Protein backbone atom coordinates (compact mmCIF):
# COMPACT_ATOMS: atom_id res chain seq x y z
CA UNK A 1 -43.69 -304.91 33.98
CA UNK A 2 -44.92 -304.17 30.34
CA UNK A 3 -48.56 -304.19 32.47
CA UNK A 4 -47.62 -301.86 34.85
CA UNK A 5 -45.19 -299.55 32.62
CA UNK A 6 -48.63 -299.10 30.71
CA UNK A 7 -51.04 -298.16 32.80
CA UNK A 8 -51.69 -293.88 33.00
CA UNK A 9 -51.01 -293.72 36.24
CA UNK A 10 -47.70 -295.19 36.16
CA UNK A 11 -46.90 -293.33 33.28
CA UNK A 12 -43.14 -291.36 33.55
CA UNK A 13 -42.53 -293.12 36.18
CA UNK A 14 -38.86 -294.73 35.28
CA UNK A 15 -37.91 -290.78 35.69
CA UNK A 16 -39.53 -289.78 38.59
CA UNK A 17 -37.58 -288.49 41.76
CA UNK A 18 -37.98 -290.20 44.99
CA UNK A 19 -40.55 -288.55 47.35
CA UNK A 20 -38.56 -286.61 49.96
CA UNK A 21 -39.43 -286.50 53.39
CA UNK A 22 -41.94 -283.00 53.08
CA UNK A 23 -43.67 -285.19 50.45
CA UNK A 24 -44.62 -288.17 52.74
CA UNK A 25 -41.46 -289.96 52.34
CA UNK A 26 -39.23 -291.46 55.57
CA UNK A 27 -35.73 -291.60 54.00
CA UNK A 28 -33.80 -288.72 51.97
CA UNK A 29 -34.02 -289.03 48.87
CA UNK A 30 -31.05 -289.73 46.09
CA UNK A 31 -28.20 -287.09 46.31
CA UNK A 32 -25.12 -287.32 43.31
CA UNK A 33 -22.89 -285.17 45.79
CA UNK A 34 -23.26 -287.19 48.85
CA UNK A 35 -23.63 -290.35 47.11
CA UNK A 36 -20.00 -289.65 45.83
CA UNK A 37 -18.41 -288.94 48.80
CA UNK A 38 -19.66 -291.64 50.50
CA UNK A 39 -18.58 -294.29 47.57
CA UNK A 40 -15.05 -292.48 47.48
CA UNK A 41 -14.52 -293.17 51.11
CA UNK A 42 -15.61 -297.31 50.26
CA UNK A 43 -18.78 -297.12 51.97
CA UNK A 44 -22.15 -298.11 51.13
CA UNK A 45 -24.52 -294.80 50.32
CA UNK A 46 -27.89 -295.25 51.49
CA UNK A 47 -30.89 -293.53 50.34
CA UNK A 48 -34.41 -293.61 49.19
CA UNK A 49 -34.06 -294.15 45.37
CA UNK A 50 -36.95 -295.21 42.53
CA UNK A 51 -37.24 -298.80 42.12
CA UNK A 52 -37.44 -298.32 38.38
CA UNK A 53 -34.21 -296.80 38.26
CA UNK A 54 -32.28 -300.46 38.43
CA UNK A 55 -32.56 -302.76 35.99
CA UNK A 56 -35.29 -306.19 37.21
CA UNK A 57 -34.10 -308.24 34.66
CA UNK A 58 -30.45 -308.68 35.26
CA UNK A 59 -29.59 -311.64 37.63
CA UNK A 60 -26.12 -311.56 39.59
CA UNK A 61 -26.82 -315.55 39.31
CA UNK A 62 -28.48 -316.03 35.94
CA UNK A 63 -28.21 -319.76 35.57
CA UNK A 64 -30.36 -320.17 39.37
CA UNK A 65 -34.06 -321.01 39.24
CA UNK A 66 -35.60 -318.50 41.30
CA UNK A 67 -38.17 -319.90 44.17
CA UNK A 68 -41.40 -318.48 43.12
CA UNK A 69 -42.51 -320.15 46.43
CA UNK A 70 -40.05 -317.74 47.96
CA UNK A 71 -41.66 -314.20 45.79
CA UNK A 72 -45.10 -315.51 47.43
CA UNK A 73 -44.22 -315.30 50.49
CA UNK A 74 -42.73 -312.20 49.91
CA UNK A 75 -46.11 -310.82 48.17
CA UNK A 76 -48.37 -312.29 51.52
CA UNK A 77 -46.15 -310.62 54.05
CA UNK A 78 -45.27 -307.31 52.37
CA UNK A 79 -46.68 -306.71 49.37
CA UNK A 80 -50.97 -307.76 48.99
CA UNK A 81 -51.32 -306.64 45.33
CA UNK A 82 -54.59 -304.98 47.23
CA UNK A 83 -52.85 -303.50 50.14
CA UNK A 84 -50.22 -302.03 49.60
CA UNK A 85 -47.46 -300.40 52.07
CA UNK A 86 -47.76 -296.70 52.70
CA UNK A 87 -44.09 -296.61 51.59
CA UNK A 88 -41.55 -298.91 50.76
CA UNK A 89 -40.89 -301.82 53.84
CA UNK A 90 -37.91 -300.36 55.49
CA UNK A 91 -36.60 -303.78 56.51
CA UNK A 92 -36.11 -304.62 52.66
CA UNK A 93 -33.45 -302.73 51.13
CA UNK A 94 -32.40 -302.72 46.96
CA UNK A 95 -29.00 -302.42 46.99
CA UNK A 96 -27.52 -301.65 43.61
CA UNK A 97 -23.83 -300.93 41.79
CA UNK A 98 -22.02 -298.48 40.05
CA UNK A 99 -18.58 -299.01 38.36
CA UNK A 100 -16.79 -296.49 40.31
CA UNK A 101 -17.39 -293.70 42.77
CA UNK A 102 -18.02 -290.59 39.89
CA UNK A 103 -20.65 -292.58 37.93
CA UNK A 104 -23.71 -291.28 39.99
CA UNK A 105 -27.01 -292.42 39.42
CA UNK A 106 -27.88 -294.31 36.36
CA UNK A 107 -31.28 -292.96 35.89
CA UNK A 108 -31.98 -292.62 32.66
CA UNK A 109 -33.77 -296.32 32.04
CA UNK A 110 -32.66 -299.64 33.90
CA UNK A 111 -29.19 -299.27 34.19
CA UNK A 112 -28.30 -299.73 37.22
CA UNK A 113 -27.80 -303.78 38.64
CA UNK A 114 -28.98 -305.24 41.59
CA UNK A 115 -27.15 -307.52 43.61
CA UNK A 116 -29.44 -307.81 46.53
CA UNK A 117 -31.69 -311.12 46.60
CA UNK A 118 -34.19 -310.64 43.49
CA UNK A 119 -37.04 -312.18 44.90
CA UNK A 120 -37.91 -308.87 46.74
CA UNK A 121 -38.17 -307.08 43.52
CA UNK A 122 -39.82 -309.45 41.67
CA UNK A 123 -42.77 -310.21 44.60
CA UNK A 124 -43.01 -306.04 44.34
CA UNK A 125 -43.54 -306.52 40.03
CA UNK A 126 -45.93 -309.02 40.38
CA UNK A 127 -48.15 -307.42 43.08
CA UNK A 128 -48.53 -304.58 41.33
CA UNK A 129 -48.82 -305.83 37.90
CA UNK A 130 -51.53 -308.46 39.65
CA UNK A 131 -53.41 -305.07 41.01
CA UNK A 132 -53.67 -303.49 37.58
CA UNK A 133 -54.83 -306.85 35.87
CA UNK A 134 -57.09 -307.07 38.73
CA UNK A 135 -58.55 -303.41 38.00
CA UNK A 136 -58.00 -301.94 41.62
CA UNK A 137 -58.89 -298.96 42.35
CA UNK A 138 -56.88 -295.77 41.19
CA UNK A 139 -56.29 -295.13 44.85
CA UNK A 140 -55.01 -298.67 45.48
CA UNK A 141 -52.54 -298.09 41.72
CA UNK A 142 -51.21 -294.81 43.57
CA UNK A 143 -49.90 -295.88 46.79
CA UNK A 144 -48.55 -298.50 44.71
CA UNK A 145 -46.51 -295.91 42.51
CA UNK A 146 -45.61 -294.37 46.41
CA UNK A 147 -43.70 -297.16 47.54
CA UNK A 148 -41.67 -297.55 44.34
CA UNK A 149 -40.65 -294.31 44.68
CA UNK A 150 -39.81 -294.59 48.36
CA UNK A 151 -37.24 -297.48 48.09
CA UNK A 152 -34.85 -298.18 50.56
CA UNK A 153 -32.06 -298.14 48.00
CA UNK A 154 -28.43 -298.74 49.44
CA UNK A 155 -25.34 -297.82 46.21
CA UNK A 156 -21.65 -299.84 46.34
CA UNK A 157 -19.18 -299.05 43.97
CA UNK A 158 -18.00 -302.29 42.85
CA UNK A 159 -16.40 -303.43 39.49
CA UNK A 160 -18.54 -305.57 36.90
CA UNK A 161 -17.47 -309.32 36.43
CA UNK A 162 -16.35 -311.45 39.72
CA UNK A 163 -16.44 -308.79 42.23
CA UNK A 164 -19.59 -308.58 41.82
CA UNK A 165 -20.93 -312.07 41.42
CA UNK A 166 -19.48 -312.57 45.32
CA UNK A 167 -21.12 -309.39 46.53
CA UNK A 168 -24.37 -311.04 45.32
CA UNK A 169 -23.34 -314.24 46.94
CA UNK A 170 -22.27 -312.44 50.45
CA UNK A 171 -25.63 -309.84 51.04
CA UNK A 172 -27.38 -312.93 50.32
CA UNK A 173 -26.17 -314.96 53.38
CA UNK A 174 -26.28 -312.15 55.16
CA UNK A 175 -29.93 -311.93 55.03
CA UNK A 176 -29.83 -315.89 55.80
CA UNK A 177 -28.00 -314.73 58.82
CA UNK A 178 -29.90 -311.94 59.90
CA UNK A 179 -33.47 -314.20 59.65
CA UNK A 180 -31.84 -317.22 61.59
CA UNK A 181 -30.10 -315.25 64.49
CA UNK A 182 -33.49 -313.87 65.50
CA UNK A 183 -35.43 -316.74 64.67
CA UNK A 184 -37.63 -318.01 67.88
CA UNK A 185 -37.82 -321.37 68.76
CA UNK A 186 -41.29 -323.58 69.31
CA UNK A 187 -39.86 -323.90 73.46
CA UNK A 188 -39.69 -319.89 73.12
CA UNK A 189 -42.53 -318.95 71.71
CA UNK A 190 -44.48 -320.69 73.98
CA UNK A 191 -43.41 -319.05 76.55
CA UNK A 192 -44.38 -315.35 74.70
CA UNK A 193 -47.06 -315.04 77.00
CA UNK A 194 -47.79 -312.24 79.62
CA UNK A 195 -49.10 -312.57 83.15
CA UNK A 196 -53.10 -311.40 83.41
CA UNK A 197 -52.86 -310.43 86.91
CA UNK A 198 -49.78 -309.02 88.43
CA UNK A 199 -51.00 -311.28 92.05
CA UNK A 200 -51.19 -314.00 89.77
CA UNK A 201 -48.36 -317.19 90.71
CA UNK A 202 -45.91 -317.29 88.19
CA UNK A 203 -46.31 -320.81 87.01
CA UNK A 204 -47.53 -322.10 83.73
CA UNK A 205 -50.57 -325.40 83.86
CA UNK A 206 -49.36 -328.57 83.56
CA UNK A 207 -50.21 -328.98 80.00
CA UNK A 208 -48.22 -326.18 79.17
CA UNK A 209 -45.38 -327.74 80.88
CA UNK A 210 -46.34 -330.20 78.56
CA UNK A 211 -45.82 -328.56 75.52
CA UNK A 212 -42.96 -327.05 76.63
CA UNK A 213 -41.00 -330.10 77.13
CA UNK A 214 -42.40 -331.70 73.49
CA UNK A 215 -41.09 -328.59 72.25
CA UNK A 216 -37.99 -329.65 73.70
CA UNK A 217 -37.37 -332.12 71.89
CA UNK A 218 -39.25 -331.05 68.13
CA UNK A 219 -37.23 -329.36 65.52
CA UNK A 220 -38.27 -325.27 65.97
CA UNK A 221 -39.06 -325.77 62.19
CA UNK A 222 -40.67 -329.19 61.96
CA UNK A 223 -44.43 -328.74 60.63
CA UNK A 224 -45.34 -331.71 63.35
CA UNK A 225 -46.22 -328.79 65.63
CA UNK A 226 -49.77 -326.42 64.99
CA UNK A 227 -49.35 -322.66 64.87
CA UNK A 228 -48.79 -321.19 68.59
CA UNK A 229 -52.25 -319.62 68.84
CA UNK A 230 -54.26 -323.36 68.11
CA UNK A 231 -51.53 -324.41 71.05
CA UNK A 232 -52.12 -321.74 73.61
CA UNK A 233 -56.03 -320.93 73.05
CA UNK A 234 -57.38 -324.24 74.28
CA UNK A 235 -55.99 -323.58 77.20
CA UNK A 236 -56.69 -320.19 77.98
CA UNK A 237 -59.93 -321.11 77.64
CA UNK A 238 -60.60 -324.17 79.60
CA UNK A 239 -58.18 -323.57 82.41
CA UNK A 240 -59.56 -321.29 84.88
CA UNK A 241 -57.18 -320.44 87.27
CA UNK A 242 -54.20 -319.83 84.20
CA UNK A 243 -53.14 -316.55 84.77
CA UNK A 244 -51.83 -316.79 80.98
CA UNK A 245 -53.11 -315.41 77.77
CA UNK A 246 -51.34 -314.88 73.68
CA UNK A 247 -49.34 -311.54 74.00
């Protein structure tokens, strides 16, 4: 964290306002009145926020070891150190808490407690720190700075203590459920092909049918099967009559 904050490009970022839509953001920035009104109705307030408004060191389950492999995967997919996203990824939400609707946002330093999975925020920090240590171009670091000021942030009014702890657990379970419910099995992935010609018969070649049968008996998450591209590419190149290609 010190590595990032000590860099001149990130000077003053703790107190910086989030980007407005006119400035290139994609979500309306935090508004204290709107936040109070939404929280007072028992709802979750959604806005663009500053990554540094929350306490990056606070953990809802501080006794649980963090899985560094998961952090590395988030870095690879969402936050490549030298290829930052133009804006904060919309699929990733940072949920923070206030004690009551009257508190608004605590923007004077790291005061907001984050109850969404911490791996996302840790991945962001490690990627930005890697970019700084790698002497990345100013253009890259400025993109990271913008990403930090366009965070998809959600505010919830939850008293400190056990309620906040259990809400954090439920948010993690919701994220897990959201991912699993849209995960395709290996059998479904093999079907992700398109007909190259509208006049071609809608029949899969025999090797592809064999793969479908194999997929039906192997777990969807099994590492025994290679990636889909390596399964189907040989078929599309060796079978001239096959109307199928990777989509």
